[in-house]
Amino acid sequence: MFPNSQPLELELGSGDGSFLVGYAATHPEMNLIGVERLLGRVRKIDRKVRRAGLTNVRCVRIEASYFLEYLLPQHAVQAIHVYFPDPWPKRKHFRHRLVNDHFAVIVRQALAPAGVIYLRTDDAPYFAQMRRVFGEAGASFQEIPTPSSLAGLLTDFERSFNEKGVQTLRAAYRVA
């Protein structure tokens, strides 16, 4: 799938590819897969990747949890980035949220030993759910700080939210 055999990282819900392309450009030693459900966004990411001349990025159009659970080899990924997933704010829609109890199980399957999941959102109730999900995953995950170099690479949603004064909530968990 990639011209070079290198460590693999994923971004689930890549949006317009701002983070994915910026991260790939600064980390040529990594292979990255952007997982995005919407075709228009996949096309936009593809144009950005081609313009930047990046060979270490691929994009897959599929539902993120399905990709993790059924298509990705176990323990194949060094890091997973989940930035600003749809918060589905209505209580009756919570079941549609990407980060749920089962998500922690499939993330654990996907991550290599000492692999990390990075989370960002602007939605405080969803952030509380994210922290609960990974906090209750028992000895599987250990909370760690998000590196400042990573926090400095913004997504399109994050840039927009920050301009409006909305705070970014961040968490990261390493496979124990």
Protein backbone atom coordinates (compact mmCIF):
# COMPACT_ATOMS: atom_id res chain seq x y z
CA MET A 1 0.00 0.00 0.00
CA PHE A 2 2.97 2.32 0.64
CA PRO A 3 6.30 2.57 -1.18
CA ASN A 4 8.23 2.29 2.12
CA SER A 5 7.70 -0.07 5.02
CA GLN A 6 7.40 2.35 7.96
CA PRO A 7 5.40 2.67 11.17
CA LEU A 8 1.69 3.30 10.54
CA GLU A 9 -0.63 5.89 12.08
CA LEU A 10 -4.33 6.58 11.43
CA GLU A 11 -6.52 9.63 11.52
CA LEU A 12 -10.18 8.73 11.94
CA GLY A 13 -12.45 11.38 10.45
CA SER A 14 -9.88 13.38 8.50
CA GLY A 15 -12.18 16.27 7.53
CA ASP A 16 -10.47 18.43 4.92
CA GLY A 17 -7.09 16.77 5.60
CA SER A 18 -5.45 19.77 7.30
CA PHE A 19 -4.00 17.74 10.14
CA LEU A 20 -3.28 14.63 8.05
CA VAL A 21 -1.34 16.46 5.34
CA GLY A 22 0.51 18.71 7.79
CA TYR A 23 1.48 15.78 9.99
CA ALA A 24 2.56 13.64 7.03
CA ALA A 25 4.73 16.46 5.67
CA THR A 26 6.56 16.82 8.99
CA HIS A 27 6.85 13.05 9.53
CA PRO A 28 8.10 11.42 6.32
CA GLU A 29 9.28 8.49 8.46
CA MET A 30 5.63 7.55 9.11
CA ASN A 31 2.93 6.09 6.87
CA LEU A 32 -0.52 7.57 7.47
CA ILE A 33 -4.01 6.46 6.58
CA GLY A 34 -6.84 8.96 6.74
CA VAL A 35 -10.23 7.34 7.28
CA GLU A 36 -13.14 9.47 6.09
CA ARG A 37 -16.73 8.59 5.32
CA LEU A 38 -17.58 11.46 2.96
CA LEU A 39 -16.46 11.23 -0.68
CA GLY A 40 -16.07 15.00 -1.14
CA ARG A 41 -13.66 15.14 1.79
CA VAL A 42 -11.67 12.17 0.47
CA ARG A 43 -11.28 13.95 -2.87
CA LYS A 44 -10.15 17.15 -1.14
CA ILE A 45 -7.57 15.24 0.90
CA ASP A 46 -6.32 13.48 -2.24
CA ARG A 47 -5.79 16.84 -4.00
CA LYS A 48 -3.85 18.19 -1.00
CA VAL A 49 -1.69 15.06 -0.80
CA ARG A 50 -0.88 15.19 -4.52
CA ARG A 51 -0.11 18.93 -4.46
CA ALA A 52 2.24 18.40 -1.51
CA GLY A 53 3.94 15.46 -3.27
CA LEU A 54 3.44 13.16 -0.30
CA THR A 55 3.95 9.44 -0.77
CA ASN A 56 3.32 8.46 2.86
CA VAL A 57 -0.45 9.19 2.93
CA ARG A 58 -3.42 7.11 1.82
CA CYS A 59 -7.09 7.82 2.35
CA VAL A 60 -9.85 5.26 2.79
CA ARG A 61 -13.56 6.02 2.39
CA ILE A 62 -15.26 3.90 5.01
CA GLU A 63 -16.88 4.04 8.44
CA ALA A 64 -14.05 4.38 10.98
CA SER A 65 -15.15 1.77 13.52
CA TYR A 66 -15.75 -0.82 10.77
CA PHE A 67 -12.27 -0.18 9.35
CA LEU A 68 -10.67 -0.62 12.77
CA GLU A 69 -12.57 -3.72 13.73
CA TYR A 70 -12.72 -5.71 10.50
CA LEU A 71 -10.12 -4.51 7.97
CA LEU A 72 -7.05 -3.42 9.92
CA PRO A 73 -4.63 -6.12 11.04
CA GLN A 74 -4.37 -6.42 14.81
CA HIS A 75 -1.63 -4.41 16.52
CA ALA A 76 -0.65 -2.75 13.22
CA VAL A 77 -0.85 0.90 14.25
CA GLN A 78 1.52 3.07 16.32
CA ALA A 79 -1.00 5.87 16.88
CA ILE A 80 -4.64 6.75 16.21
CA HIS A 81 -5.76 10.36 15.95
CA VAL A 82 -9.44 11.16 16.58
CA TYR A 83 -10.03 14.89 16.32
CA PHE A 84 -13.43 16.54 16.62
CA PRO A 85 -15.67 13.55 15.89
CA ASP A 86 -19.35 14.33 15.53
CA PRO A 87 -20.59 14.76 19.13
CA TRP A 88 -24.17 13.71 18.38
CA PRO A 89 -25.31 16.06 21.17
CA LYS A 90 -28.90 14.82 21.54
CA ARG A 91 -29.22 12.08 24.15
CA LYS A 92 -31.22 9.85 21.79
CA HIS A 93 -28.31 10.03 19.30
CA PHE A 94 -25.48 9.17 21.74
CA ARG A 95 -25.42 5.62 20.33
CA HIS A 96 -24.04 7.08 17.07
CA ARG A 97 -20.92 8.47 18.74
CA LEU A 98 -17.63 7.00 17.52
CA VAL A 99 -16.04 6.89 20.98
CA ASN A 100 -18.07 4.43 23.04
CA ASP A 101 -17.30 1.43 25.25
CA HIS A 102 -16.80 -0.91 22.30
CA PHE A 103 -14.51 1.61 20.60
CA ALA A 104 -11.92 1.19 23.38
CA VAL A 105 -11.88 -2.56 22.68
CA ILE A 106 -11.27 -2.17 18.94
CA VAL A 107 -8.68 0.57 19.50
CA ARG A 108 -6.81 -1.79 21.83
CA GLN A 109 -6.86 -4.46 19.08
CA ALA A 110 -5.54 -2.02 16.46
CA LEU A 111 -2.73 -0.43 18.49
CA ALA A 112 0.71 -1.97 18.68
CA PRO A 113 2.34 -2.38 22.10
CA ALA A 114 2.90 1.11 23.57
CA GLY A 115 0.66 2.58 20.84
CA VAL A 116 -1.24 5.79 21.58
CA ILE A 117 -4.69 7.20 20.86
CA TYR A 118 -4.94 10.99 20.70
CA LEU A 119 -8.35 12.62 21.22
CA ARG A 120 -9.58 16.20 20.70
CA THR A 121 -13.01 17.78 20.87
CA ASP A 122 -14.72 21.04 21.71
CA ASP A 123 -17.74 19.30 23.28
CA ALA A 124 -17.33 18.99 27.07
CA PRO A 125 -19.96 16.24 27.60
CA TYR A 126 -18.45 14.14 24.79
CA PHE A 127 -14.97 14.75 26.22
CA ALA A 128 -16.19 13.45 29.58
CA GLN A 129 -17.49 10.34 27.81
CA MET A 130 -14.15 9.85 26.00
CA ARG A 131 -12.25 10.07 29.28
CA ARG A 132 -14.68 7.68 30.96
CA VAL A 133 -14.41 5.14 28.13
CA PHE A 134 -10.61 5.02 28.21
CA GLY A 135 -10.40 5.46 31.98
CA GLU A 136 -12.68 2.46 32.53
CA ALA A 137 -10.79 0.29 30.05
CA GLY A 138 -8.95 -1.08 33.04
CA ALA A 139 -5.26 -1.77 32.76
CA SER A 140 -5.40 -1.54 28.95
CA PHE A 141 -4.70 2.21 28.74
CA GLN A 142 -2.65 4.74 30.67
CA GLU A 143 -3.39 8.47 30.31
CA ILE A 144 -0.43 10.51 29.06
CA PRO A 145 0.02 14.18 28.10
CA THR A 146 -0.43 15.23 24.47
CA PRO A 147 2.97 16.37 23.12
CA SER A 148 3.02 20.13 22.42
CA SER A 149 4.41 19.49 18.93
CA LEU A 150 1.30 17.45 18.14
CA ALA A 151 -1.10 19.89 19.80
CA GLY A 152 0.28 22.63 17.54
CA LEU A 153 -0.94 20.92 14.37
CA LEU A 154 -4.55 22.06 14.05
CA THR A 155 -7.49 20.58 12.19
CA ASP A 156 -9.84 22.70 10.08
CA PHE A 157 -12.55 22.45 12.78
CA GLU A 158 -10.09 23.35 15.51
CA ARG A 159 -8.85 26.44 13.70
CA SER A 160 -12.44 27.61 13.24
CA PHE A 161 -13.40 26.89 16.86
CA ASN A 162 -10.28 28.61 18.23
CA GLU A 163 -11.04 31.75 16.20
CA LYS A 164 -14.42 31.85 17.97
CA GLY A 165 -12.78 31.43 21.38
CA VAL A 166 -13.87 27.80 21.83
CA GLN A 167 -11.39 25.74 23.86
CA THR A 168 -9.91 22.49 22.56
CA LEU A 169 -10.14 19.59 25.00
CA ARG A 170 -7.36 17.02 24.60
CA ALA A 171 -6.54 13.59 25.99
CA ALA A 172 -4.10 10.83 25.05
CA TYR A 173 -3.88 7.21 26.18
CA ARG A 174 -1.03 4.75 25.73
CA VAL A 175 -1.51 1.00 25.59
CA ALA A 176 -0.29 -0.25 28.95
